[in-house]
Amino acid sequence: MSCSKCYCVTATFLVVLRFGAFILLVIFIVNDVRPAIRGLYMRRTTCTVLTSRISSDVVSCECPGEMRRGCGSSFPCLQINVTFVGRYRQRHSGILVDNQKNMGYRGDQLCSTRPCNKYRYHNVERVEAFQRSTGQVGQTYSCFYDPSDQTEVFRELLDANLWAIFHYLFWPSFAMVFSCGCGCFLLGKVNFEEIQTDHVY
């Protein structure tokens, strides 16, 4: 393979690497970093289940991890209403959510768990299992709340630490910087060889 072809293949690889790293960084920020940062501000408390019901309405969703487009599914909306002691030692009530990655929904879309398998019956089984384990009236367990928004309470926190946030941000950023640095080096090398060739002729 000639040097020009090697440079072309390497440059293409670096462009793909830079673009992929950028897409990965955006995905991490939306899906992981934002919930992880919110998790840093959560406070632990004790929740007691007041009511637990599965709505007759279903919630539509898009299957995660599916390579093909158009993978739609749905799940029944389970709403577990709990009471807890929040900020300033005041008692509040809110909808329990399984973790902070499922935050931000309101009204009929605010569900305690959001499974989205492409097979709907799997989603139904997971919702019913979550209700049996977490949604029994009078049940008490540890949970977490956000002092700035006490309408949602979380059963558990995912990746709510600075080390996880660092990894989510560092590696895609490193790949972008590395690909840019290699690209600049490659461009300089090509220009230098062209200058040397011109001097020869």
N, C-alpha and C. Protein backbone atom coordinates (compact mmCIF):
# COMPACT_ATOMS: atom_id res chain seq x y z
N MET A 1 0.85 -1.20 0.00
CA MET A 1 0.00 0.00 0.00
C MET A 1 0.88 1.24 0.00
N SER A 2 0.62 2.22 -0.89
CA SER A 2 1.41 3.43 -0.98
C SER A 2 1.17 4.32 0.22
N CYS A 3 2.09 5.29 0.41
CA CYS A 3 1.96 6.21 1.55
C CYS A 3 0.69 7.04 1.45
N SER A 4 0.33 7.46 0.24
CA SER A 4 -0.87 8.28 0.08
C SER A 4 -2.11 7.51 0.51
N LYS A 5 -2.17 6.21 0.16
CA LYS A 5 -3.31 5.41 0.56
C LYS A 5 -3.34 5.20 2.07
N CYS A 6 -2.15 5.00 2.65
CA CYS A 6 -2.08 4.86 4.12
C CYS A 6 -2.60 6.11 4.80
N TYR A 7 -2.18 7.27 4.30
CA TYR A 7 -2.64 8.53 4.88
C TYR A 7 -4.16 8.67 4.74
N CYS A 8 -4.68 8.27 3.59
CA CYS A 8 -6.12 8.39 3.34
C CYS A 8 -6.91 7.50 4.30
N VAL A 9 -6.45 6.25 4.47
CA VAL A 9 -7.13 5.33 5.39
C VAL A 9 -7.05 5.83 6.82
N THR A 10 -5.88 6.30 7.21
CA THR A 10 -5.70 6.80 8.58
C THR A 10 -6.57 8.03 8.83
N ALA A 11 -6.61 8.94 7.86
CA ALA A 11 -7.43 10.14 8.02
C ALA A 11 -8.90 9.79 8.14
N THR A 12 -9.35 8.83 7.33
CA THR A 12 -10.75 8.39 7.40
C THR A 12 -11.06 7.80 8.77
N PHE A 13 -10.15 6.97 9.27
CA PHE A 13 -10.33 6.38 10.60
C PHE A 13 -10.42 7.44 11.68
N LEU A 14 -9.57 8.47 11.60
CA LEU A 14 -9.56 9.53 12.61
C LEU A 14 -10.86 10.34 12.57
N VAL A 15 -11.35 10.58 11.37
CA VAL A 15 -12.62 11.32 11.25
C VAL A 15 -13.77 10.52 11.87
N VAL A 16 -13.81 9.21 11.55
CA VAL A 16 -14.85 8.35 12.12
C VAL A 16 -14.72 8.28 13.64
N LEU A 17 -13.48 8.18 14.13
CA LEU A 17 -13.26 8.13 15.58
C LEU A 17 -13.73 9.41 16.26
N ARG A 18 -13.40 10.55 15.66
CA ARG A 18 -13.81 11.84 16.24
C ARG A 18 -15.33 11.99 16.26
N PHE A 19 -15.96 11.62 15.15
CA PHE A 19 -17.42 11.72 15.06
C PHE A 19 -18.09 10.76 16.04
N GLY A 20 -17.59 9.52 16.11
CA GLY A 20 -18.16 8.54 17.04
C GLY A 20 -18.00 8.97 18.49
N ALA A 21 -16.83 9.53 18.82
CA ALA A 21 -16.60 9.99 20.19
C ALA A 21 -17.53 11.14 20.55
N PHE A 22 -17.78 12.03 19.58
CA PHE A 22 -18.69 13.14 19.83
C PHE A 22 -20.11 12.64 20.09
N ILE A 23 -20.58 11.70 19.25
CA ILE A 23 -21.92 11.13 19.44
C ILE A 23 -22.01 10.43 20.79
N LEU A 24 -20.98 9.68 21.14
CA LEU A 24 -20.96 8.97 22.42
C LEU A 24 -20.99 9.95 23.59
N LEU A 25 -20.27 11.07 23.47
CA LEU A 25 -20.26 12.07 24.52
C LEU A 25 -21.65 12.67 24.72
N VAL A 26 -22.34 12.97 23.63
CA VAL A 26 -23.69 13.53 23.73
C VAL A 26 -24.63 12.52 24.40
N ILE A 27 -24.54 11.26 23.99
CA ILE A 27 -25.39 10.22 24.58
C ILE A 27 -25.12 10.08 26.07
N PHE A 28 -23.85 10.08 26.46
CA PHE A 28 -23.50 9.96 27.88
C PHE A 28 -24.03 11.15 28.68
N ILE A 29 -23.92 12.35 28.12
CA ILE A 29 -24.38 13.53 28.85
C ILE A 29 -25.88 13.47 29.08
N VAL A 30 -26.63 13.08 28.05
CA VAL A 30 -28.09 13.04 28.16
C VAL A 30 -28.56 11.90 29.05
N ASN A 31 -28.00 10.71 28.83
CA ASN A 31 -28.53 9.51 29.50
C ASN A 31 -27.88 9.18 30.83
N ASP A 32 -26.64 9.64 31.04
CA ASP A 32 -25.91 9.21 32.23
C ASP A 32 -25.41 10.36 33.10
N VAL A 33 -24.78 11.34 32.48
CA VAL A 33 -24.15 12.41 33.27
C VAL A 33 -25.21 13.27 33.97
N ARG A 34 -26.24 13.66 33.24
CA ARG A 34 -27.28 14.50 33.84
C ARG A 34 -27.96 13.82 35.03
N PRO A 35 -28.41 12.55 34.90
CA PRO A 35 -28.97 11.88 36.08
C PRO A 35 -27.96 11.67 37.19
N ALA A 36 -26.69 11.41 36.82
CA ALA A 36 -25.67 11.20 37.85
C ALA A 36 -25.42 12.47 38.65
N ILE A 37 -25.39 13.62 37.96
CA ILE A 37 -25.19 14.89 38.66
C ILE A 37 -26.38 15.17 39.58
N ARG A 38 -27.58 14.90 39.09
CA ARG A 38 -28.75 15.10 39.95
C ARG A 38 -28.68 14.18 41.16
N GLY A 39 -28.16 12.97 40.95
CA GLY A 39 -28.05 12.03 42.06
C GLY A 39 -27.14 12.50 43.17
N LEU A 40 -26.18 13.37 42.85
CA LEU A 40 -25.27 13.88 43.87
C LEU A 40 -25.99 14.72 44.92
N TYR A 41 -27.12 15.30 44.54
CA TYR A 41 -27.85 16.19 45.44
C TYR A 41 -28.99 15.48 46.18
N MET A 42 -29.15 14.19 45.93
CA MET A 42 -30.23 13.46 46.57
C MET A 42 -29.97 13.28 48.06
N ARG A 43 -31.05 13.19 48.81
CA ARG A 43 -30.96 12.95 50.24
C ARG A 43 -31.73 11.68 50.58
N ARG A 44 -31.14 10.89 51.46
CA ARG A 44 -31.77 9.63 51.84
C ARG A 44 -32.88 9.88 52.86
N THR A 45 -33.96 9.14 52.73
CA THR A 45 -35.06 9.22 53.67
C THR A 45 -35.74 7.86 53.73
N THR A 46 -36.88 7.79 54.36
CA THR A 46 -37.65 6.54 54.44
C THR A 46 -39.01 6.75 53.82
N CYS A 47 -39.38 5.86 52.92
CA CYS A 47 -40.66 5.95 52.23
C CYS A 47 -41.63 4.90 52.76
N THR A 48 -42.89 5.29 52.83
CA THR A 48 -43.97 4.36 53.18
C THR A 48 -45.01 4.41 52.07
N VAL A 49 -45.38 3.24 51.56
CA VAL A 49 -46.31 3.17 50.44
C VAL A 49 -47.73 3.49 50.91
N LEU A 50 -48.34 4.48 50.24
CA LEU A 50 -49.73 4.83 50.53
C LEU A 50 -50.68 4.10 49.58
N THR A 51 -50.44 4.23 48.30
CA THR A 51 -51.28 3.56 47.30
C THR A 51 -50.38 3.00 46.21
N SER A 52 -50.92 2.02 45.51
CA SER A 52 -50.19 1.41 44.41
C SER A 52 -51.21 0.90 43.40
N ARG A 53 -51.14 1.44 42.18
CA ARG A 53 -52.11 1.02 41.18
C ARG A 53 -51.49 1.02 39.79
N ILE A 54 -51.98 0.12 38.97
CA ILE A 54 -51.57 0.05 37.57
C ILE A 54 -52.69 0.64 36.73
N SER A 55 -52.36 1.67 35.99
CA SER A 55 -53.36 2.36 35.18
C SER A 55 -53.83 1.47 34.03
N SER A 56 -55.06 1.69 33.60
CA SER A 56 -55.58 0.96 32.44
C SER A 56 -54.96 1.45 31.14
N ASP A 57 -54.41 2.66 31.17
CA ASP A 57 -53.75 3.21 29.99
C ASP A 57 -52.33 2.64 29.87
N VAL A 58 -51.84 2.57 28.65
CA VAL A 58 -50.47 2.11 28.42
C VAL A 58 -49.63 3.28 27.92
N VAL A 59 -48.33 3.18 28.17
CA VAL A 59 -47.39 4.22 27.76
C VAL A 59 -46.53 3.68 26.63
N SER A 60 -46.45 4.41 25.55
CA SER A 60 -45.62 4.00 24.41
C SER A 60 -44.16 4.35 24.68
N CYS A 61 -43.26 3.55 24.09
CA CYS A 61 -41.83 3.79 24.29
C CYS A 61 -41.07 3.23 23.09
N GLU A 62 -39.81 3.65 22.98
CA GLU A 62 -38.93 3.14 21.93
C GLU A 62 -37.92 2.21 22.57
N CYS A 63 -37.75 1.04 21.98
CA CYS A 63 -36.87 0.03 22.57
C CYS A 63 -35.42 0.50 22.55
N PRO A 64 -34.74 0.51 23.68
CA PRO A 64 -33.32 0.87 23.69
C PRO A 64 -32.47 -0.29 23.21
N GLY A 65 -31.33 0.02 22.59
CA GLY A 65 -30.41 -1.01 22.17
C GLY A 65 -30.79 -1.75 20.91
N GLU A 66 -31.87 -1.33 20.24
CA GLU A 66 -32.27 -1.99 19.00
C GLU A 66 -31.60 -1.29 17.82
N MET A 67 -30.93 -2.08 16.99
CA MET A 67 -30.21 -1.50 15.86
C MET A 67 -31.18 -0.99 14.79
N ARG A 68 -32.25 -1.69 14.58
CA ARG A 68 -33.19 -1.26 13.54
C ARG A 68 -34.12 -0.17 14.07
N ARG A 69 -34.52 0.68 13.19
CA ARG A 69 -35.42 1.76 13.58
C ARG A 69 -36.86 1.27 13.64
N GLY A 70 -37.66 2.04 14.32
CA GLY A 70 -39.08 1.72 14.37
C GLY A 70 -39.45 0.64 15.36
N CYS A 71 -38.58 0.37 16.34
CA CYS A 71 -38.92 -0.64 17.35
C CYS A 71 -39.71 0.06 18.44
N GLY A 72 -41.01 -0.02 18.37
CA GLY A 72 -41.86 0.59 19.38
C GLY A 72 -42.49 -0.47 20.27
N SER A 73 -42.71 -0.12 21.51
CA SER A 73 -43.34 -1.04 22.44
C SER A 73 -44.19 -0.21 23.41
N SER A 74 -44.69 -0.84 24.45
CA SER A 74 -45.49 -0.13 25.44
C SER A 74 -45.45 -0.90 26.75
N PHE A 75 -45.85 -0.22 27.81
CA PHE A 75 -45.89 -0.86 29.13
C PHE A 75 -47.03 -0.25 29.94
N PRO A 76 -47.60 -1.00 30.88
CA PRO A 76 -48.63 -0.43 31.74
C PRO A 76 -47.98 0.51 32.77
N CYS A 77 -48.66 1.60 33.07
CA CYS A 77 -48.10 2.60 33.97
C CYS A 77 -48.45 2.28 35.42
N LEU A 78 -47.44 1.93 36.18
CA LEU A 78 -47.59 1.69 37.61
C LEU A 78 -47.24 2.97 38.37
N GLN A 79 -48.13 3.42 39.23
CA GLN A 79 -47.87 4.60 40.04
C GLN A 79 -47.94 4.21 41.52
N ILE A 80 -46.79 4.28 42.17
CA ILE A 80 -46.69 3.98 43.60
C ILE A 80 -46.58 5.30 44.34
N ASN A 81 -47.59 5.64 45.09
CA ASN A 81 -47.61 6.88 45.85
C ASN A 81 -47.07 6.61 47.26
N VAL A 82 -46.05 7.38 47.64
CA VAL A 82 -45.41 7.16 48.94
C VAL A 82 -45.41 8.45 49.75
N THR A 83 -45.25 8.31 51.04
CA THR A 83 -45.06 9.46 51.92
C THR A 83 -43.66 9.37 52.52
N PHE A 84 -43.05 10.54 52.75
CA PHE A 84 -41.68 10.57 53.26
C PHE A 84 -41.43 11.89 53.96
N VAL A 85 -40.41 11.90 54.79
CA VAL A 85 -39.99 13.13 55.47
C VAL A 85 -38.92 13.79 54.62
N GLY A 86 -39.21 14.99 54.14
CA GLY A 86 -38.30 15.67 53.23
C GLY A 86 -37.60 16.84 53.87
N ARG A 87 -37.46 17.88 53.09
CA ARG A 87 -36.72 19.07 53.53
C ARG A 87 -37.42 19.73 54.71
N TYR A 88 -36.62 20.24 55.64
CA TYR A 88 -37.10 20.92 56.85
C TYR A 88 -37.97 19.99 57.70
N ARG A 89 -37.74 18.68 57.57
CA ARG A 89 -38.45 17.68 58.36
C ARG A 89 -39.96 17.70 58.13
N GLN A 90 -40.37 18.19 56.98
CA GLN A 90 -41.78 18.19 56.65
C GLN A 90 -42.15 16.92 55.91
N ARG A 91 -43.38 16.47 56.14
CA ARG A 91 -43.83 15.24 55.49
C ARG A 91 -44.43 15.57 54.12
N HIS A 92 -44.00 14.82 53.12
CA HIS A 92 -44.45 15.02 51.74
C HIS A 92 -44.95 13.69 51.19
N SER A 93 -45.64 13.78 50.08
CA SER A 93 -46.03 12.58 49.33
C SER A 93 -45.68 12.79 47.88
N GLY A 94 -45.35 11.71 47.20
CA GLY A 94 -44.98 11.80 45.80
C GLY A 94 -44.99 10.43 45.16
N ILE A 95 -44.73 10.41 43.86
CA ILE A 95 -44.68 9.17 43.11
C ILE A 95 -43.27 8.59 43.18
N LEU A 96 -43.17 7.34 43.60
CA LEU A 96 -41.88 6.67 43.66
C LEU A 96 -41.44 6.26 42.25
N VAL A 97 -40.18 6.53 41.91
CA VAL A 97 -39.59 6.15 40.63
C VAL A 97 -38.41 5.23 40.93
N ASP A 98 -38.19 4.23 40.07
CA ASP A 98 -37.17 3.23 40.39
C ASP A 98 -35.77 3.82 40.49
N ASN A 99 -35.39 4.76 39.61
CA ASN A 99 -34.09 5.42 39.71
C ASN A 99 -34.15 6.76 39.00
N GLN A 100 -33.11 7.58 39.19
CA GLN A 100 -33.16 8.95 38.70
C GLN A 100 -33.01 9.06 37.19
N LYS A 101 -32.71 7.97 36.50
CA LYS A 101 -32.64 8.02 35.04
C LYS A 101 -34.02 8.11 34.41
N ASN A 102 -35.04 7.79 35.19
CA ASN A 102 -36.42 7.89 34.70
C ASN A 102 -37.12 9.12 35.24
N MET A 103 -36.35 10.18 35.44
CA MET A 103 -36.91 11.40 36.02
C MET A 103 -37.52 12.27 34.92
N GLY A 104 -38.25 13.29 35.35
CA GLY A 104 -38.68 14.34 34.45
C GLY A 104 -40.03 14.14 33.79
N TYR A 105 -40.70 13.05 34.06
CA TYR A 105 -42.02 12.83 33.45
C TYR A 105 -43.09 13.42 34.35
N ARG A 106 -44.23 13.76 33.74
CA ARG A 106 -45.31 14.37 34.50
C ARG A 106 -46.65 13.74 34.10
N GLY A 107 -47.63 13.89 34.98
CA GLY A 107 -48.99 13.44 34.68
C GLY A 107 -49.08 11.94 34.46
N ASP A 108 -49.78 11.57 33.38
CA ASP A 108 -49.97 10.16 33.08
C ASP A 108 -48.68 9.47 32.66
N GLN A 109 -47.65 10.26 32.30
CA GLN A 109 -46.38 9.68 31.89
C GLN A 109 -45.46 9.41 33.08
N LEU A 110 -45.85 9.85 34.27
CA LEU A 110 -45.03 9.64 35.46
C LEU A 110 -45.33 8.25 36.02
N CYS A 111 -44.44 7.32 35.73
CA CYS A 111 -44.63 5.92 36.13
C CYS A 111 -43.47 5.49 37.02
N SER A 112 -43.74 4.59 37.93
CA SER A 112 -42.73 4.16 38.89
C SER A 112 -41.61 3.36 38.25
N THR A 113 -41.88 2.67 37.18
CA THR A 113 -40.84 1.97 36.44
C THR A 113 -41.20 2.00 34.96
N ARG A 114 -40.19 1.97 34.10
CA ARG A 114 -40.42 2.16 32.67
C ARG A 114 -39.67 1.09 31.86
N PRO A 115 -40.03 -0.17 31.98
CA PRO A 115 -39.39 -1.20 31.15
C PRO A 115 -39.84 -1.06 29.71
N CYS A 116 -38.92 -1.27 28.77
CA CYS A 116 -39.30 -1.10 27.37
C CYS A 116 -38.64 -2.18 26.52
N ASN A 117 -38.99 -3.42 26.77
CA ASN A 117 -38.58 -4.52 25.92
C ASN A 117 -39.45 -4.54 24.67
N LYS A 118 -38.91 -5.05 23.58
CA LYS A 118 -39.71 -5.06 22.35
C LYS A 118 -40.93 -5.99 22.45
N TYR A 119 -40.87 -6.94 23.38
CA TYR A 119 -42.03 -7.80 23.62
C TYR A 119 -42.81 -7.25 24.81
N ARG A 120 -44.02 -6.82 24.58
CA ARG A 120 -44.79 -6.11 25.59
C ARG A 120 -45.05 -6.98 26.82
N TYR A 121 -45.24 -8.28 26.64
CA TYR A 121 -45.55 -9.12 27.80
C TYR A 121 -44.39 -9.15 28.78
N HIS A 122 -43.14 -8.96 28.29
CA HIS A 122 -42.00 -8.85 29.20
C HIS A 122 -42.13 -7.58 30.06
N ASN A 123 -42.58 -6.51 29.44
CA ASN A 123 -42.77 -5.26 30.18
C ASN A 123 -43.85 -5.41 31.25
N VAL A 124 -44.93 -6.09 30.90
CA VAL A 124 -46.01 -6.32 31.86
C VAL A 124 -45.50 -7.13 33.04
N GLU A 125 -44.70 -8.17 32.77
CA GLU A 125 -44.16 -9.00 33.85
C GLU A 125 -43.25 -8.20 34.76
N ARG A 126 -42.43 -7.33 34.18
CA ARG A 126 -41.50 -6.53 34.99
C ARG A 126 -42.25 -5.49 35.83
N VAL A 127 -43.28 -4.90 35.28
CA VAL A 127 -44.07 -3.94 36.05
C VAL A 127 -44.75 -4.64 37.22
N GLU A 128 -45.35 -5.80 36.98
CA GLU A 128 -46.02 -6.54 38.05
C GLU A 128 -45.02 -7.00 39.11
N ALA A 129 -43.83 -7.41 38.68
CA ALA A 129 -42.80 -7.83 39.65
C ALA A 129 -42.35 -6.65 40.50
N PHE A 130 -42.22 -5.48 39.88
CA PHE A 130 -41.82 -4.29 40.64
C PHE A 130 -42.90 -3.90 41.65
N GLN A 131 -44.15 -4.05 41.26
CA GLN A 131 -45.23 -3.75 42.19
C GLN A 131 -45.23 -4.72 43.37
N ARG A 132 -44.98 -6.00 43.11
CA ARG A 132 -44.94 -6.98 44.21
C ARG A 132 -43.80 -6.71 45.17
N SER A 133 -42.66 -6.28 44.65
CA SER A 133 -41.49 -6.09 45.50
C SER A 133 -41.44 -4.73 46.18
N THR A 134 -42.07 -3.72 45.57
CA THR A 134 -41.90 -2.35 46.05
C THR A 134 -43.21 -1.63 46.31
N GLY A 135 -44.32 -2.13 45.80
CA GLY A 135 -45.56 -1.37 45.84
C GLY A 135 -46.65 -1.93 46.73
N GLN A 136 -46.27 -2.65 47.78
CA GLN A 136 -47.28 -3.15 48.71
C GLN A 136 -47.67 -2.06 49.71
N VAL A 137 -48.96 -1.80 49.84
CA VAL A 137 -49.44 -0.74 50.74
C VAL A 137 -48.93 -0.99 52.16
N GLY A 138 -48.36 0.07 52.76
CA GLY A 138 -47.81 -0.03 54.10
C GLY A 138 -46.35 -0.44 54.14
N GLN A 139 -45.80 -0.82 53.00
CA GLN A 139 -44.39 -1.23 52.93
C GLN A 139 -43.49 -0.03 53.16
N THR A 140 -42.39 -0.24 53.89
CA THR A 140 -41.44 0.82 54.23
C THR A 140 -40.04 0.42 53.78
N TYR A 141 -39.33 1.37 53.20
CA TYR A 141 -37.95 1.10 52.75
C TYR A 141 -37.22 2.43 52.56
N SER A 142 -35.90 2.34 52.40
CA SER A 142 -35.08 3.53 52.16
C SER A 142 -35.32 4.04 50.74
N CYS A 143 -35.28 5.35 50.59
CA CYS A 143 -35.44 5.96 49.28
C CYS A 143 -34.70 7.29 49.27
N PHE A 144 -34.74 7.99 48.16
CA PHE A 144 -34.00 9.24 48.00
C PHE A 144 -34.92 10.30 47.39
N TYR A 145 -34.71 11.55 47.81
CA TYR A 145 -35.49 12.65 47.25
C TYR A 145 -34.58 13.81 46.90
N ASP A 146 -35.04 14.63 45.97
CA ASP A 146 -34.31 15.83 45.56
C ASP A 146 -34.87 17.02 46.33
N PRO A 147 -34.06 17.68 47.17
CA PRO A 147 -34.58 18.80 47.96
C PRO A 147 -35.17 19.93 47.12
N SER A 148 -34.74 20.07 45.86
CA SER A 148 -35.26 21.15 45.01
C SER A 148 -36.52 20.75 44.26
N ASP A 149 -36.84 19.46 44.22
CA ASP A 149 -38.04 18.99 43.52
C ASP A 149 -38.52 17.72 44.22
N GLN A 150 -39.46 17.88 45.12
CA GLN A 150 -39.88 16.76 45.96
C GLN A 150 -41.14 16.07 45.42
N THR A 151 -41.41 16.25 44.11
CA THR A 151 -42.55 15.57 43.51
C THR A 151 -42.20 14.13 43.12
N GLU A 152 -40.90 13.85 42.97
CA GLU A 152 -40.45 12.51 42.63
C GLU A 152 -39.52 11.98 43.72
N VAL A 153 -39.69 10.72 44.03
CA VAL A 153 -38.82 10.05 45.00
C VAL A 153 -38.21 8.85 44.30
N PHE A 154 -36.96 8.53 44.61
CA PHE A 154 -36.27 7.48 43.89
C PHE A 154 -35.94 6.32 44.82
N ARG A 155 -36.16 5.12 44.28
CA ARG A 155 -35.89 3.92 45.07
C ARG A 155 -34.40 3.69 45.21
N GLU A 156 -33.63 3.93 44.17
CA GLU A 156 -32.19 3.74 44.22
C GLU A 156 -31.50 4.76 43.32
N LEU A 157 -30.23 4.98 43.59
CA LEU A 157 -29.43 5.91 42.80
C LEU A 157 -28.45 5.12 41.95
N LEU A 158 -28.29 5.55 40.69
CA LEU A 158 -27.37 4.90 39.76
C LEU A 158 -26.22 5.83 39.43
N ASP A 159 -24.99 5.37 39.62
CA ASP A 159 -23.78 6.11 39.21
C ASP A 159 -23.75 7.53 39.76
N ALA A 160 -24.25 7.71 40.97
CA ALA A 160 -24.28 9.06 41.54
C ALA A 160 -22.99 9.35 42.29
N ASN A 161 -21.88 9.39 41.56
CA ASN A 161 -20.58 9.72 42.17
C ASN A 161 -19.71 10.41 41.14
N LEU A 162 -18.75 11.18 41.62
CA LEU A 162 -17.90 11.98 40.75
C LEU A 162 -17.02 11.12 39.85
N TRP A 163 -16.62 9.95 40.34
CA TRP A 163 -15.74 9.07 39.56
C TRP A 163 -16.46 8.58 38.31
N ALA A 164 -17.72 8.20 38.44
CA ALA A 164 -18.50 7.75 37.29
C ALA A 164 -18.68 8.89 36.29
N ILE A 165 -18.99 10.09 36.79
CA ILE A 165 -19.15 11.25 35.91
C ILE A 165 -17.85 11.54 35.16
N PHE A 166 -16.72 11.42 35.87
CA PHE A 166 -15.42 11.64 35.24
C PHE A 166 -15.20 10.69 34.06
N HIS A 167 -15.49 9.41 34.27
CA HIS A 167 -15.30 8.43 33.20
C HIS A 167 -16.23 8.70 32.02
N TYR A 168 -17.48 9.06 32.30
CA TYR A 168 -18.42 9.34 31.23
C TYR A 168 -17.94 10.48 30.34
N LEU A 169 -17.29 11.48 30.95
CA LEU A 169 -16.86 12.65 30.20
C LEU A 169 -15.45 12.52 29.64
N PHE A 170 -14.57 11.84 30.39
CA PHE A 170 -13.14 11.83 30.02
C PHE A 170 -12.85 11.03 28.77
N TRP A 171 -13.33 9.78 28.70
CA TRP A 171 -12.91 8.91 27.61
C TRP A 171 -13.40 9.37 26.23
N PRO A 172 -14.66 9.78 26.06
CA PRO A 172 -15.03 10.33 24.74
C PRO A 172 -14.26 11.61 24.41
N SER A 173 -14.04 12.46 25.42
CA SER A 173 -13.28 13.69 25.19
C SER A 173 -11.84 13.37 24.81
N PHE A 174 -11.26 12.38 25.49
CA PHE A 174 -9.89 11.98 25.17
C PHE A 174 -9.79 11.47 23.74
N ALA A 175 -10.78 10.67 23.32
CA ALA A 175 -10.78 10.15 21.95
C ALA A 175 -10.88 11.28 20.93
N MET A 176 -11.68 12.31 21.23
CA MET A 176 -11.80 13.44 20.33
C MET A 176 -10.49 14.21 20.24
N VAL A 177 -9.87 14.49 21.38
CA VAL A 177 -8.61 15.23 21.39
C VAL A 177 -7.50 14.42 20.71
N PHE A 178 -7.48 13.12 21.00
CA PHE A 178 -6.46 12.24 20.40
C PHE A 178 -6.60 12.22 18.88
N SER A 179 -7.82 12.08 18.39
CA SER A 179 -8.02 12.03 16.94
C SER A 179 -7.66 13.37 16.29
N CYS A 180 -7.99 14.47 16.96
CA CYS A 180 -7.63 15.80 16.42
C CYS A 180 -6.11 15.97 16.39
N GLY A 181 -5.43 15.55 17.47
CA GLY A 181 -3.97 15.65 17.52
C GLY A 181 -3.30 14.82 16.44
N CYS A 182 -3.78 13.58 16.28
CA CYS A 182 -3.22 12.71 15.24
C CYS A 182 -3.50 13.28 13.86
N GLY A 183 -4.70 13.87 13.68
CA GLY A 183 -5.03 14.46 12.39
C GLY A 183 -4.11 15.63 12.05
N CYS A 184 -3.83 16.47 13.04
CA CYS A 184 -2.92 17.60 12.81
C CYS A 184 -1.50 17.11 12.49
N PHE A 185 -1.06 16.09 13.22
CA PHE A 185 0.26 15.52 12.96
C PHE A 185 0.33 14.94 11.55
N LEU A 186 -0.71 14.22 11.16
CA LEU A 186 -0.75 13.61 9.83
C LEU A 186 -0.75 14.67 8.74
N LEU A 187 -1.53 15.73 8.95
CA LEU A 187 -1.57 16.81 7.96
C LEU A 187 -0.21 17.48 7.82
N GLY A 188 0.44 17.72 8.97
CA GLY A 188 1.77 18.32 8.92
C GLY A 188 2.78 17.43 8.22
N LYS A 189 2.67 16.12 8.45
CA LYS A 189 3.59 15.19 7.81
C LYS A 189 3.39 15.16 6.30
N VAL A 190 2.15 15.18 5.86
CA VAL A 190 1.85 15.19 4.43
C VAL A 190 2.40 16.46 3.79
N ASN A 191 2.16 17.59 4.42
CA ASN A 191 2.66 18.87 3.87
C ASN A 191 4.18 18.88 3.81
N PHE A 192 4.82 18.31 4.84
CA PHE A 192 6.28 18.28 4.86
C PHE A 192 6.82 17.42 3.72
N GLU A 193 6.17 16.26 3.48
CA GLU A 193 6.63 15.38 2.41
C GLU A 193 6.40 16.03 1.04
N GLU A 194 5.31 16.78 0.91
CA GLU A 194 5.08 17.47 -0.36
C GLU A 194 6.13 18.52 -0.61
N ILE A 195 6.51 19.22 0.46
CA ILE A 195 7.57 20.24 0.31
C ILE A 195 8.89 19.59 -0.07
N GLN A 196 9.20 18.46 0.58
CA GLN A 196 10.44 17.75 0.26
C GLN A 196 10.43 17.27 -1.19
N THR A 197 9.25 16.79 -1.64
CA THR A 197 9.16 16.33 -3.02
C THR A 197 9.35 17.47 -4.00
N ASP A 198 8.77 18.64 -3.70
CA ASP A 198 8.94 19.80 -4.57
C ASP A 198 10.40 20.22 -4.67
N HIS A 199 11.13 20.10 -3.56
CA HIS A 199 12.53 20.49 -3.55
C HIS A 199 13.36 19.53 -4.38
N VAL A 200 12.98 18.28 -4.38
CA VAL A 200 13.71 17.28 -5.16
C VAL A 200 13.59 17.55 -6.66
N TYR A 201 12.35 17.91 -7.09
CA TYR A 201 12.13 18.16 -8.50
C TYR A 201 12.42 19.61 -8.88
